[in-house]
All heavy atoms as atom14 arrays in JSON, in Angstrom:
{
  "sequence": "AHLKGLRLFSYDHNPVKAPPSVADTVTLVG",
  "atom14_mask": [
    [1, 1, 1, 1, 1, 0, 0, 0, 0, 0, 0, 0, 0, 0],
    [1, 1, 1, 1, 1, 1, 1, 1, 1, 1, 0, 0, 0, 0],
    [1, 1, 1, 1, 1, 1, 1, 1, 0, 0, 0, 0, 0, 0],
    [1, 1, 1, 1, 1, 1, 1, 1, 1, 0, 0, 0, 0, 0],
    [1, 1, 1, 1, 0, 0, 0, 0, 0, 0, 0, 0, 0, 0],
    [1, 1, 1, 1, 1, 1, 1, 1, 0, 0, 0, 0, 0, 0],
    [1, 1, 1, 1, 1, 1, 1, 1, 1, 1, 1, 0, 0, 0],
    [1, 1, 1, 1, 1, 1, 1, 1, 0, 0, 0, 0, 0, 0],
    [1, 1, 1, 1, 1, 1, 1, 1, 1, 1, 1, 0, 0, 0],
    [1, 1, 1, 1, 1, 1, 0, 0, 0, 0, 0, 0, 0, 0],
    [1, 1, 1, 1, 1, 1, 1, 1, 1, 1, 1, 1, 0, 0],
    [1, 1, 1, 1, 1, 1, 1, 1, 0, 0, 0, 0, 0, 0],
    [1, 1, 1, 1, 1, 1, 1, 1, 1, 1, 0, 0, 0, 0],
    [1, 1, 1, 1, 1, 1, 1, 1, 0, 0, 0, 0, 0, 0],
    [1, 1, 1, 1, 1, 1, 1, 0, 0, 0, 0, 0, 0, 0],
    [1, 1, 1, 1, 1, 1, 1, 0, 0, 0, 0, 0, 0, 0],
    [1, 1, 1, 1, 1, 1, 1, 1, 1, 0, 0, 0, 0, 0],
    [1, 1, 1, 1, 1, 0, 0, 0, 0, 0, 0, 0, 0, 0],
    [1, 1, 1, 1, 1, 1, 1, 0, 0, 0, 0, 0, 0, 0],
    [1, 1, 1, 1, 1, 1, 1, 0, 0, 0, 0, 0, 0, 0],
    [1, 1, 1, 1, 1, 1, 0, 0, 0, 0, 0, 0, 0, 0],
    [1, 1, 1, 1, 1, 1, 1, 0, 0, 0, 0, 0, 0, 0],
    [1, 1, 1, 1, 1, 0, 0, 0, 0, 0, 0, 0, 0, 0],
    [1, 1, 1, 1, 1, 1, 1, 1, 0, 0, 0, 0, 0, 0],
    [1, 1, 1, 1, 1, 1, 1, 0, 0, 0, 0, 0, 0, 0],
    [1, 1, 1, 1, 1, 1, 1, 0, 0, 0, 0, 0, 0, 0],
    [1, 1, 1, 1, 1, 1, 1, 0, 0, 0, 0, 0, 0, 0],
    [1, 1, 1, 1, 1, 1, 1, 1, 0, 0, 0, 0, 0, 0],
    [1, 1, 1, 1, 1, 1, 1, 0, 0, 0, 0, 0, 0, 0],
    [1, 1, 1, 1, 0, 0, 0, 0, 0, 0, 0, 0, 0, 0]
  ],
  "atom14_positions": [
    [[8.28, 82.1, 23.47], [9.24, 81.31, 24.25], [10.0, 82.16, 25.26], [10.52, 81.63, 26.24], [10.21, 80.6, 23.3], [0.0, 0.0, 0.0], [0.0, 0.0, 0.0], [0.0, 0.0, 0.0], [0.0, 0.0, 0.0], [0.0, 0.0, 0.0], [0.0, 0.0, 0.0], [0.0, 0.0, 0.0], [0.0, 0.0, 0.0], [0.0, 0.0, 0.0]],
    [[10.07, 83.48, 25.03], [10.83, 84.34, 25.95], [10.05, 84.68, 27.21], [10.62, 85.24, 28.15], [11.21, 85.64, 25.24], [10.04, 86.52, 24.92], [9.16, 86.23, 23.9], [9.59, 87.66, 25.5], [8.23, 87.16, 23.85], [8.47, 88.04, 24.82], [0.0, 0.0, 0.0], [0.0, 0.0, 0.0], [0.0, 0.0, 0.0], [0.0, 0.0, 0.0]],
    [[8.75, 84.33, 27.27], [7.94, 84.6, 28.46], [8.22, 83.5, 29.48], [7.47, 82.54, 29.63], [6.45, 84.66, 28.09], [6.05, 85.77, 27.11], [4.55, 85.71, 26.83], [6.45, 87.15, 27.65], [0.0, 0.0, 0.0], [0.0, 0.0, 0.0], [0.0, 0.0, 0.0], [0.0, 0.0, 0.0], [0.0, 0.0, 0.0], [0.0, 0.0, 0.0]],
    [[9.31, 83.65, 30.21], [9.82, 82.59, 31.07], [8.93, 82.31, 32.27], [8.98, 81.22, 32.85], [11.23, 82.96, 31.55], [12.25, 83.12, 30.42], [12.36, 81.86, 29.58], [13.43, 82.0, 28.5], [13.52, 80.81, 27.63], [0.0, 0.0, 0.0], [0.0, 0.0, 0.0], [0.0, 0.0, 0.0], [0.0, 0.0, 0.0], [0.0, 0.0, 0.0]],
    [[8.11, 83.26, 32.67], [7.24, 83.03, 33.82], [5.97, 82.28, 33.47], [5.27, 81.77, 34.36], [0.0, 0.0, 0.0], [0.0, 0.0, 0.0], [0.0, 0.0, 0.0], [0.0, 0.0, 0.0], [0.0, 0.0, 0.0], [0.0, 0.0, 0.0], [0.0, 0.0, 0.0], [0.0, 0.0, 0.0], [0.0, 0.0, 0.0], [0.0, 0.0, 0.0]],
    [[5.64, 82.2, 32.18], [4.37, 81.61, 31.75], [4.31, 80.12, 32.08], [5.26, 79.37, 31.82], [4.2, 81.81, 30.24], [2.78, 81.67, 29.68], [1.84, 82.67, 30.3], [2.8, 81.83, 28.15], [0.0, 0.0, 0.0], [0.0, 0.0, 0.0], [0.0, 0.0, 0.0], [0.0, 0.0, 0.0], [0.0, 0.0, 0.0], [0.0, 0.0, 0.0]],
    [[3.18, 79.7, 32.66], [2.98, 78.29, 33.02], [1.76, 77.69, 32.32], [1.71, 76.49, 32.1], [2.83, 78.16, 34.54], [4.09, 78.51, 35.32], [5.21, 77.52, 35.0], [6.48, 77.87, 35.65], [7.42, 78.59, 35.1], [7.25, 79.06, 33.86], [8.54, 78.85, 35.73], [0.0, 0.0, 0.0], [0.0, 0.0, 0.0], [0.0, 0.0, 0.0]],
    [[0.77, 78.51, 32.0], [-0.44, 78.02, 31.33], [-0.89, 79.04, 30.3], [-1.08, 80.22, 30.62], [-1.56, 77.79, 32.36], [-2.92, 77.38, 31.78], [-2.84, 76.03, 31.08], [-3.99, 77.35, 32.87], [0.0, 0.0, 0.0], [0.0, 0.0, 0.0], [0.0, 0.0, 0.0], [0.0, 0.0, 0.0], [0.0, 0.0, 0.0], [0.0, 0.0, 0.0]],
    [[-1.07, 78.58, 29.06], [-1.54, 79.46, 27.99], [-2.66, 78.76, 27.24], [-2.48, 77.69, 26.67], [-0.4, 79.8, 27.04], [-0.83, 80.69, 25.89], [-1.64, 81.78, 26.1], [-0.42, 80.42, 24.6], [-2.05, 82.59, 25.06], [-0.81, 81.23, 23.54], [-1.63, 82.32, 23.78], [0.0, 0.0, 0.0], [0.0, 0.0, 0.0], [0.0, 0.0, 0.0]],
    [[-3.85, 79.38, 27.25], [-5.0, 78.85, 26.55], [-5.28, 79.7, 25.31], [-5.47, 80.91, 25.44], [-6.23, 78.82, 27.46], [-7.37, 78.36, 26.75], [0.0, 0.0, 0.0], [0.0, 0.0, 0.0], [0.0, 0.0, 0.0], [0.0, 0.0, 0.0], [0.0, 0.0, 0.0], [0.0, 0.0, 0.0], [0.0, 0.0, 0.0], [0.0, 0.0, 0.0]],
    [[-5.3, 79.05, 24.16], [-5.57, 79.75, 22.9], [-6.68, 79.06, 22.12], [-6.88, 79.31, 20.93], [-4.29, 79.79, 22.04], [-3.82, 78.41, 21.62], [-4.19, 77.87, 20.4], [-3.02, 77.65, 22.47], [-3.78, 76.6, 20.02], [-2.6, 76.38, 22.1], [-2.99, 75.86, 20.88], [-2.58, 74.6, 20.51], [0.0, 0.0, 0.0], [0.0, 0.0, 0.0]],
    [[-7.44, 78.21, 22.78], [-8.45, 77.39, 22.11], [-9.51, 78.26, 21.44], [-9.75, 79.4, 21.81], [-9.11, 76.47, 23.14], [-9.64, 75.19, 22.51], [-9.34, 74.95, 21.33], [-10.33, 74.43, 23.21], [0.0, 0.0, 0.0], [0.0, 0.0, 0.0], [0.0, 0.0, 0.0], [0.0, 0.0, 0.0], [0.0, 0.0, 0.0], [0.0, 0.0, 0.0]],
    [[-10.14, 77.68, 20.41], [-11.22, 78.35, 19.67], [-10.77, 79.66, 19.04], [-11.51, 80.65, 19.02], [-12.43, 78.58, 20.59], [-12.96, 77.32, 21.2], [-12.66, 76.96, 22.49], [-13.73, 76.33, 20.69], [-13.24, 75.79, 22.76], [-13.89, 75.39, 21.69], [0.0, 0.0, 0.0], [0.0, 0.0, 0.0], [0.0, 0.0, 0.0], [0.0, 0.0, 0.0]],
    [[-9.54, 79.69, 18.55], [-9.05, 80.76, 17.68], [-8.72, 80.12, 16.33], [-8.35, 78.94, 16.28], [-7.79, 81.41, 18.27], [-8.11, 82.43, 19.34], [-8.46, 83.57, 19.08], [-8.0, 81.98, 20.6], [0.0, 0.0, 0.0], [0.0, 0.0, 0.0], [0.0, 0.0, 0.0], [0.0, 0.0, 0.0], [0.0, 0.0, 0.0], [0.0, 0.0, 0.0]],
    [[-8.83, 80.85, 15.23], [-8.59, 80.26, 13.9], [-7.11, 80.13, 13.56], [-6.66, 80.56, 12.5], [-9.31, 81.24, 12.96], [-9.23, 82.55, 13.67], [-9.36, 82.23, 15.13], [0.0, 0.0, 0.0], [0.0, 0.0, 0.0], [0.0, 0.0, 0.0], [0.0, 0.0, 0.0], [0.0, 0.0, 0.0], [0.0, 0.0, 0.0], [0.0, 0.0, 0.0]],
    [[-6.33, 79.54, 14.46], [-4.89, 79.36, 14.22], [-4.65, 78.01, 13.54], [-5.42, 77.07, 13.71], [-4.09, 79.44, 15.53], [-4.15, 80.84, 16.12], [-4.61, 78.43, 16.54], [0.0, 0.0, 0.0], [0.0, 0.0, 0.0], [0.0, 0.0, 0.0], [0.0, 0.0, 0.0], [0.0, 0.0, 0.0], [0.0, 0.0, 0.0], [0.0, 0.0, 0.0]],
    [[-3.55, 77.94, 12.79], [-3.24, 76.71, 12.06], [-2.27, 75.81, 12.84], [-2.16, 74.63, 12.54], [-2.64, 77.05, 10.7], [-3.61, 77.78, 9.78], [-2.98, 78.08, 8.43], [-3.97, 78.79, 7.5], [-3.34, 79.11, 6.18], [0.0, 0.0, 0.0], [0.0, 0.0, 0.0], [0.0, 0.0, 0.0], [0.0, 0.0, 0.0], [0.0, 0.0, 0.0]],
    [[-1.57, 76.4, 13.8], [-0.59, 75.61, 14.56], [-0.48, 76.18, 15.96], [-0.74, 77.37, 16.18], [0.76, 75.65, 13.86], [0.0, 0.0, 0.0], [0.0, 0.0, 0.0], [0.0, 0.0, 0.0], [0.0, 0.0, 0.0], [0.0, 0.0, 0.0], [0.0, 0.0, 0.0], [0.0, 0.0, 0.0], [0.0, 0.0, 0.0], [0.0, 0.0, 0.0]],
    [[-0.1, 75.36, 16.93], [0.09, 75.86, 18.29], [1.2, 76.9, 18.35], [2.14, 76.86, 17.55], [0.47, 74.59, 19.08], [0.0, 73.46, 18.24], [0.12, 73.92, 16.83], [0.0, 0.0, 0.0], [0.0, 0.0, 0.0], [0.0, 0.0, 0.0], [0.0, 0.0, 0.0], [0.0, 0.0, 0.0], [0.0, 0.0, 0.0], [0.0, 0.0, 0.0]],
    [[1.12, 77.84, 19.27], [2.17, 78.85, 19.4], [3.45, 78.25, 19.97], [3.44, 77.21, 20.63], [1.55, 79.86, 20.38], [0.56, 79.07, 21.16], [0.02, 78.05, 20.22], [0.0, 0.0, 0.0], [0.0, 0.0, 0.0], [0.0, 0.0, 0.0], [0.0, 0.0, 0.0], [0.0, 0.0, 0.0], [0.0, 0.0, 0.0], [0.0, 0.0, 0.0]],
    [[4.56, 78.91, 19.71], [5.85, 78.49, 20.23], [6.01, 79.05, 21.64], [5.95, 80.27, 21.85], [6.98, 78.99, 19.33], [8.24, 78.66, 19.88], [0.0, 0.0, 0.0], [0.0, 0.0, 0.0], [0.0, 0.0, 0.0], [0.0, 0.0, 0.0], [0.0, 0.0, 0.0], [0.0, 0.0, 0.0], [0.0, 0.0, 0.0], [0.0, 0.0, 0.0]],
    [[6.19, 78.17, 22.62], [6.33, 78.57, 24.02], [7.48, 77.81, 24.65], [8.02, 76.86, 24.06], [5.03, 78.3, 24.82], [3.89, 79.16, 24.3], [4.67, 76.82, 24.75], [0.0, 0.0, 0.0], [0.0, 0.0, 0.0], [0.0, 0.0, 0.0], [0.0, 0.0, 0.0], [0.0, 0.0, 0.0], [0.0, 0.0, 0.0], [0.0, 0.0, 0.0]],
    [[7.86, 78.21, 25.85], [8.91, 77.5, 26.58], [8.42, 76.1, 26.96], [7.22, 75.84, 27.03], [9.31, 78.29, 27.83], [0.0, 0.0, 0.0], [0.0, 0.0, 0.0], [0.0, 0.0, 0.0], [0.0, 0.0, 0.0], [0.0, 0.0, 0.0], [0.0, 0.0, 0.0], [0.0, 0.0, 0.0], [0.0, 0.0, 0.0], [0.0, 0.0, 0.0]],
    [[9.36, 75.22, 27.24], [9.02, 73.83, 27.55], [8.24, 73.68, 28.85], [7.65, 72.63, 29.1], [10.29, 72.98, 27.63], [10.92, 72.77, 26.25], [10.19, 72.9, 25.25], [12.13, 72.48, 26.19], [0.0, 0.0, 0.0], [0.0, 0.0, 0.0], [0.0, 0.0, 0.0], [0.0, 0.0, 0.0], [0.0, 0.0, 0.0], [0.0, 0.0, 0.0]],
    [[8.25, 74.71, 29.7], [7.57, 74.63, 30.99], [6.09, 75.04, 30.91], [5.4, 75.0, 31.93], [8.27, 75.55, 32.01], [8.41, 76.87, 31.45], [9.66, 75.01, 32.36], [0.0, 0.0, 0.0], [0.0, 0.0, 0.0], [0.0, 0.0, 0.0], [0.0, 0.0, 0.0], [0.0, 0.0, 0.0], [0.0, 0.0, 0.0], [0.0, 0.0, 0.0]],
    [[5.62, 75.4, 29.72], [4.26, 75.92, 29.57], [3.28, 74.81, 29.2], [3.54, 74.02, 28.28], [4.21, 77.03, 28.49], [2.78, 77.57, 28.34], [5.16, 78.15, 28.86], [0.0, 0.0, 0.0], [0.0, 0.0, 0.0], [0.0, 0.0, 0.0], [0.0, 0.0, 0.0], [0.0, 0.0, 0.0], [0.0, 0.0, 0.0], [0.0, 0.0, 0.0]],
    [[2.15, 74.75, 29.9], [1.05, 73.87, 29.52], [0.15, 74.61, 28.54], [-0.28, 75.73, 28.82], [0.24, 73.46, 30.76], [1.08, 72.7, 31.64], [-0.97, 72.6, 30.36], [0.0, 0.0, 0.0], [0.0, 0.0, 0.0], [0.0, 0.0, 0.0], [0.0, 0.0, 0.0], [0.0, 0.0, 0.0], [0.0, 0.0, 0.0], [0.0, 0.0, 0.0]],
    [[-0.14, 74.0, 27.4], [-0.96, 74.62, 26.36], [-2.35, 74.01, 26.36], [-2.52, 72.81, 26.6], [-0.31, 74.43, 24.99], [0.97, 75.2, 24.72], [1.6, 74.74, 23.42], [0.7, 76.71, 24.66], [0.0, 0.0, 0.0], [0.0, 0.0, 0.0], [0.0, 0.0, 0.0], [0.0, 0.0, 0.0], [0.0, 0.0, 0.0], [0.0, 0.0, 0.0]],
    [[-3.34, 74.86, 26.06], [-4.72, 74.41, 25.91], [-5.23, 74.96, 24.58], [-5.34, 76.17, 24.41], [-5.62, 74.89, 27.06], [-7.06, 74.41, 26.83], [-5.1, 74.4, 28.4], [0.0, 0.0, 0.0], [0.0, 0.0, 0.0], [0.0, 0.0, 0.0], [0.0, 0.0, 0.0], [0.0, 0.0, 0.0], [0.0, 0.0, 0.0], [0.0, 0.0, 0.0]],
    [[-5.51, 74.05, 23.64], [-5.99, 74.5, 22.33], [-5.78, 73.42, 21.29], [-5.24, 72.34, 21.56], [0.0, 0.0, 0.0], [0.0, 0.0, 0.0], [0.0, 0.0, 0.0], [0.0, 0.0, 0.0], [0.0, 0.0, 0.0], [0.0, 0.0, 0.0], [0.0, 0.0, 0.0], [0.0, 0.0, 0.0], [0.0, 0.0, 0.0], [0.0, 0.0, 0.0]]
  ]
}
């Protein structure tokens, strides 16, 4: 969440159990 410049984060096809915590301005793919 502290990565304030982040706008798009793709984490798809990783063995994670839950989406990562990011700022509200970030689009997530996964």
